[in-house]
Structure formats: structure tokens, C-alpha cells
C-alpha atoms as a PDB file:
ATOM      1  CA  MET A   1       7.748  14.719 -21.544  1.00  0.00           C
ATOM      2  CA  ALA A   2       8.615  13.117 -17.915  1.00  0.00           C
ATOM      3  CA  ALA A   3      12.256  10.915 -18.140  1.00  0.00           C
ATOM      4  CA  SER A   4      12.122   7.005 -19.013  1.00  0.00           C
ATOM      5  CA  TYR A   5      14.444   5.442 -16.958  1.00  0.00           C
ATOM      6  CA  ASP A   6      15.456   1.780 -17.398  1.00  0.00           C
ATOM      7  CA  PHE A   7      14.319  -0.158 -14.323  1.00  0.00           C
ATOM      8  CA  PRO A   8      15.343  -3.702 -13.744  1.00  0.00           C
ATOM      9  CA  GLN A   9      13.067  -6.268 -13.899  1.00  0.00           C
ATOM     10  CA  ASP A  10      13.175  -7.558 -10.454  1.00  0.00           C
ATOM     11  CA  LEU A  11      12.388  -3.533  -9.493  1.00  0.00           C
ATOM     12  CA  THR A  12       9.157  -3.296 -11.416  1.00  0.00           C
ATOM     13  CA  ASP A  13       8.278  -6.839 -10.405  1.00  0.00           C
ATOM     14  CA  ALA A  14       8.754  -5.898  -6.972  1.00  0.00           C
ATOM     15  CA  GLN A  15       6.735  -2.636  -7.287  1.00  0.00           C
ATOM     16  CA  ASP A  16       3.956  -4.504  -9.086  1.00  0.00           C
ATOM     17  CA  GLU A  17       3.468  -6.859  -6.070  1.00  0.00           C
ATOM     18  CA  LEU A  18       3.468  -4.042  -3.460  1.00  0.00           C
ATOM     19  CA  ARG A  19       0.695  -2.583  -5.428  1.00  0.00           C
ATOM     20  CA  GLN A  20      -1.032  -5.824  -5.460  1.00  0.00           C
ATOM     21  CA  VAL A  21      -0.629  -6.605  -1.865  1.00  0.00           C
ATOM     22  CA  ARG A  22      -1.912  -3.029  -1.107  1.00  0.00           C
ATOM     23  CA  ALA A  23      -4.936  -3.447  -2.758  1.00  0.00           C
ATOM     24  CA  ASP A  24      -5.318  -6.534  -1.048  1.00  0.00           C
ATOM     25  CA  LEU A  25      -5.262  -5.168   2.353  1.00  0.00           C
ATOM     26  CA  GLN A  26      -7.654  -2.525   1.378  1.00  0.00           C
ATOM     27  CA  THR A  27     -10.304  -5.426   0.195  1.00  0.00           C
ATOM     28  CA  VAL A  28      -9.366  -7.450   3.743  1.00  0.00           C
ATOM     29  CA  TYR A  29     -10.101  -3.908   5.345  1.00  0.00           C
ATOM     30  CA  ARG A  30     -13.003  -3.106   3.950  1.00  0.00           C
ATOM     31  CA  ARG A  31     -14.744  -6.781   5.048  1.00  0.00           C
ATOM     32  CA  VAL A  32     -13.359  -7.003   8.551  1.00  0.00           C
ATOM     33  CA  PRO A  33     -15.057  -4.676  11.181  1.00  0.00           C
ATOM     34  CA  TRP A  34     -13.435  -1.665  12.158  1.00  0.00           C
ATOM     35  CA  SER A  35     -11.862  -2.803  15.522  1.00  0.00           C
ATOM     36  CA  ALA A  36      -9.117  -5.676  15.667  1.00  0.00           C
ATOM     37  CA  GLU A  37     -10.389  -6.113  19.326  1.00  0.00           C
ATOM     38  CA  PRO A  38     -13.958  -6.552  20.440  1.00  0.00           C
ATOM     39  CA  LEU A  39     -15.394  -3.088  21.367  1.00  0.00           C
ATOM     40  CA  ASP A  40     -18.430  -1.528  22.559  1.00  0.00           C
ATOM     41  CA  ALA A  41     -20.118   0.697  20.324  1.00  0.00           C
ATOM     42  CA  TRP A  42     -19.936   4.404  20.995  1.00  0.00           C
ATOM     43  CA  GLU A  43     -20.640   8.219  19.974  1.00  0.00           C
ATOM     44  CA  THR A  44     -19.699  11.594  20.656  1.00  0.00           C
ATOM     45  CA  HIS A  45     -21.129  13.557  23.400  1.00  0.00           C
ATOM     46  CA  GLU A  46     -23.967  16.256  22.132  1.00  0.00           C
ATOM     47  CA  ASN A  47     -21.070  19.222  22.685  1.00  0.00           C
ATOM     48  CA  ALA A  48     -18.001  17.183  20.477  1.00  0.00           C
ATOM     49  CA  TRP A  49     -17.318  19.596  17.539  1.00  0.00           C
ATOM     50  CA  ARG A  50     -18.202  16.906  14.907  1.00  0.00           C
ATOM     51  CA  ALA A  51     -20.589  13.829  15.705  1.00  0.00           C
ATOM     52  CA  ALA A  52     -18.807  10.187  15.059  1.00  0.00           C
ATOM     53  CA  SER A  53     -20.089   7.190  16.172  1.00  0.00           C
ATOM     54  CA  ARG A  54     -18.982   3.441  15.468  1.00  0.00           C
ATOM     55  CA  PRO A  55     -21.007   0.373  16.161  1.00  0.00           C
ATOM     56  CA  ALA A  56     -19.941  -2.679  18.460  1.00  0.00           C
ATOM     57  CA  SER A  57     -16.957  -4.368  16.955  1.00  0.00           C
ATOM     58  CA  PRO A  58     -16.918  -8.249  17.413  1.00  0.00           C
ATOM     59  CA  GLY A  59     -12.865  -7.651  16.441  1.00  0.00           C
ATOM     60  CA  TRP A  60     -11.442  -9.484  13.866  1.00  0.00           C
ATOM     61  CA  ASP A  61     -11.238 -13.615  13.761  1.00  0.00           C
ATOM     62  CA  ALA A  62      -7.961 -15.080  13.837  1.00  0.00           C
ATOM     63  CA  GLN A  63      -8.252 -16.041  10.227  1.00  0.00           C
ATOM     64  CA  ASP A  64      -8.303 -12.732   9.057  1.00  0.00           C
ATOM     65  CA  ALA A  65      -5.552 -11.202  11.438  1.00  0.00           C
ATOM     66  CA  ALA A  66      -3.462 -13.519  10.001  1.00  0.00           C
ATOM     67  CA  GLU A  67      -4.071 -12.474   6.625  1.00  0.00           C
ATOM     68  CA  ILE A  68      -3.358  -8.887   7.609  1.00  0.00           C
ATOM     69  CA  ALA A  69      -0.585  -9.594   9.468  1.00  0.00           C
ATOM     70  CA  ARG A  70       1.058 -11.818   6.639  1.00  0.00           C
ATOM     71  CA  LEU A  71      -0.023  -9.032   3.800  1.00  0.00           C
ATOM     72  CA  ARG A  72       1.543  -6.216   6.552  1.00  0.00           C
ATOM     73  CA  THR A  73       4.930  -7.783   6.633  1.00  0.00           C
ATOM     74  CA  ARG A  74       4.744  -8.496   2.919  1.00  0.00           C
ATOM     75  CA  GLU A  75       4.606  -5.129   2.333  1.00  0.00           C
ATOM     76  CA  VAL A  76       7.397  -3.697   4.653  1.00  0.00           C
ATOM     77  CA  ASP A  77       9.620  -6.412   3.082  1.00  0.00           C
ATOM     78  CA  LEU A  78       8.408  -5.478  -0.581  1.00  0.00           C
ATOM     79  CA  ALA A  79       8.946  -1.689   0.447  1.00  0.00           C
ATOM     80  CA  GLN A  80      12.522  -2.172   1.870  1.00  0.00           C
ATOM     81  CA  ALA A  81      13.416  -4.101  -1.340  1.00  0.00           C
ATOM     82  CA  ILE A  82      12.580  -1.000  -3.367  1.00  0.00           C
ATOM     83  CA  ILE A  83      14.038   1.387  -1.608  1.00  0.00           C
ATOM     84  CA  THR A  84      17.212  -0.881  -0.922  1.00  0.00           C
ATOM     85  CA  HIS A  85      17.884  -1.763  -4.335  1.00  0.00           C
ATOM     86  CA  PRO A  86      21.317  -1.052  -6.082  1.00  0.00           C
ATOM     87  CA  PHE A  87      19.674   0.696  -8.864  1.00  0.00           C
ATOM     88  CA  TRP A  88      18.881   3.924  -7.023  1.00  0.00           C
ATOM     89  CA  SER A  89      22.673   3.911  -6.659  1.00  0.00           C
ATOM     90  CA  SER A  90      23.371   4.167 -10.332  1.00  0.00           C
ATOM     91  CA  LEU A  91      21.340   7.470 -10.828  1.00  0.00           C
ATOM     92  CA  ALA A  92      22.691  11.114  -9.697  1.00  0.00           C
ATOM     93  CA  PRO A  93      21.008  12.042  -6.501  1.00  0.00           C
ATOM     94  CA  GLY A  94      18.746  14.786  -8.128  1.00  0.00           C
ATOM     95  CA  ASP A  95      17.083  12.305 -10.527  1.00  0.00           C
ATOM     96  CA  VAL A  96      16.236   9.757  -7.563  1.00  0.00           C
ATOM     97  CA  LEU A  97      12.723  11.533  -6.845  1.00  0.00           C
ATOM     98  CA  ALA A  98      11.866  11.651 -10.449  1.00  0.00           C
ATOM     99  CA  ALA A  99      13.125   8.198 -11.080  1.00  0.00           C
ATOM    100  CA  ARG A 100      11.101   6.384  -7.775  1.00  0.00           C
ATOM    101  CA  ASP A 101       7.946   8.152  -8.657  1.00  0.00           C
ATOM    102  CA  ALA A 102       8.462   7.164 -12.443  1.00  0.00           C
ATOM    103  CA  LEU A 103       8.586   3.488 -10.854  1.00  0.00           C
ATOM    104  CA  LYS A 104       5.254   3.976  -8.493  1.00  0.00           C
ATOM    105  CA  HIS A 105       3.588   4.887 -11.914  1.00  0.00           C
ATOM    106  CA  HIS A 106       5.409   2.516 -14.343  1.00  0.00           C
ATOM    107  CA  HIS A 107       2.371   0.058 -14.739  1.00  0.00           C
ATOM    108  CA  GLU A 108       0.016   2.867 -15.548  1.00  0.00           C
ATOM    109  CA  GLN A 109       2.657   3.692 -18.590  1.00  0.00           C
ATOM    110  CA  GLN A 110       2.589   0.352 -19.462  1.00  0.00           C
ATOM    111  CA  MET A 111      -0.841  -0.130 -19.578  1.00  0.00           C
ATOM    112  CA  ALA A 112      -1.052   3.234 -21.745  1.00  0.00           C
ATOM    113  CA  ASP A 113       1.684   2.171 -23.887  1.00  0.00           C
ATOM    114  CA  ALA A 114      -0.003  -1.333 -24.492  1.00  0.00           C
ATOM    115  CA  SER A 115      -3.442   0.405 -25.767  1.00  0.00           C
ATOM    116  CA  SER A 116      -1.665   2.618 -28.266  1.00  0.00           C
END
């Protein structure tokens, strides 16, 4: 059985928000064109080792670019807050990796505990 950790509430809140910010980024990325800048369509030449192509991209509009920039900034801020949280210094160095992994999956564990 995996070790259990008593994570501080601000740390789990930051991890939960990070998970949500990353999901929001994925949603925006699926919606916007493949290129941030306007680019012409392209495809690989006939002798390429793998055929690939992209349609023309009008680029991201200002609103989408601002939303992506805001989410990326928040993602970095949250990741920094998690990594530098004082909680990690309370653990033995050999336990930090397992604890960080447990934090990444604590939401899944809470869902499993709630359904039991």
C-alpha cells in the first residue's frame, strides 16, 4: 500500500487548481488554430520519411492569445508554489519523490475514498 501524507490544505488547493488550469489550457488549445501566428498551409514532399501536412492557420485572435498567456502564467506560478512549498523540507529526502507523486494523485484518492 502506498504511503499516506498529511498534505497542508494550501498545497492540495494549489495542486487542484494546477490540474484545472492545465485542463483549461487543453480546452483552449483544442479550440484555437494550430499556429499562434498566421501561416500558410504546408505538406511534406513526396520523399519524406513520414507524410505530414497542416491547413492554413489564421493565427490566434487577441482574446485567445490573452487567455493562453494568462493560463500559462498561472500554471507556472502554481507549479512554482508547489515545488517550493515548505512542506517538502519536512520530509526525508528519500521520501520527497513518492510524496510529490502522491500529491499529483491525491484528487483521485479523494474521489475513491468518497465513493467507498
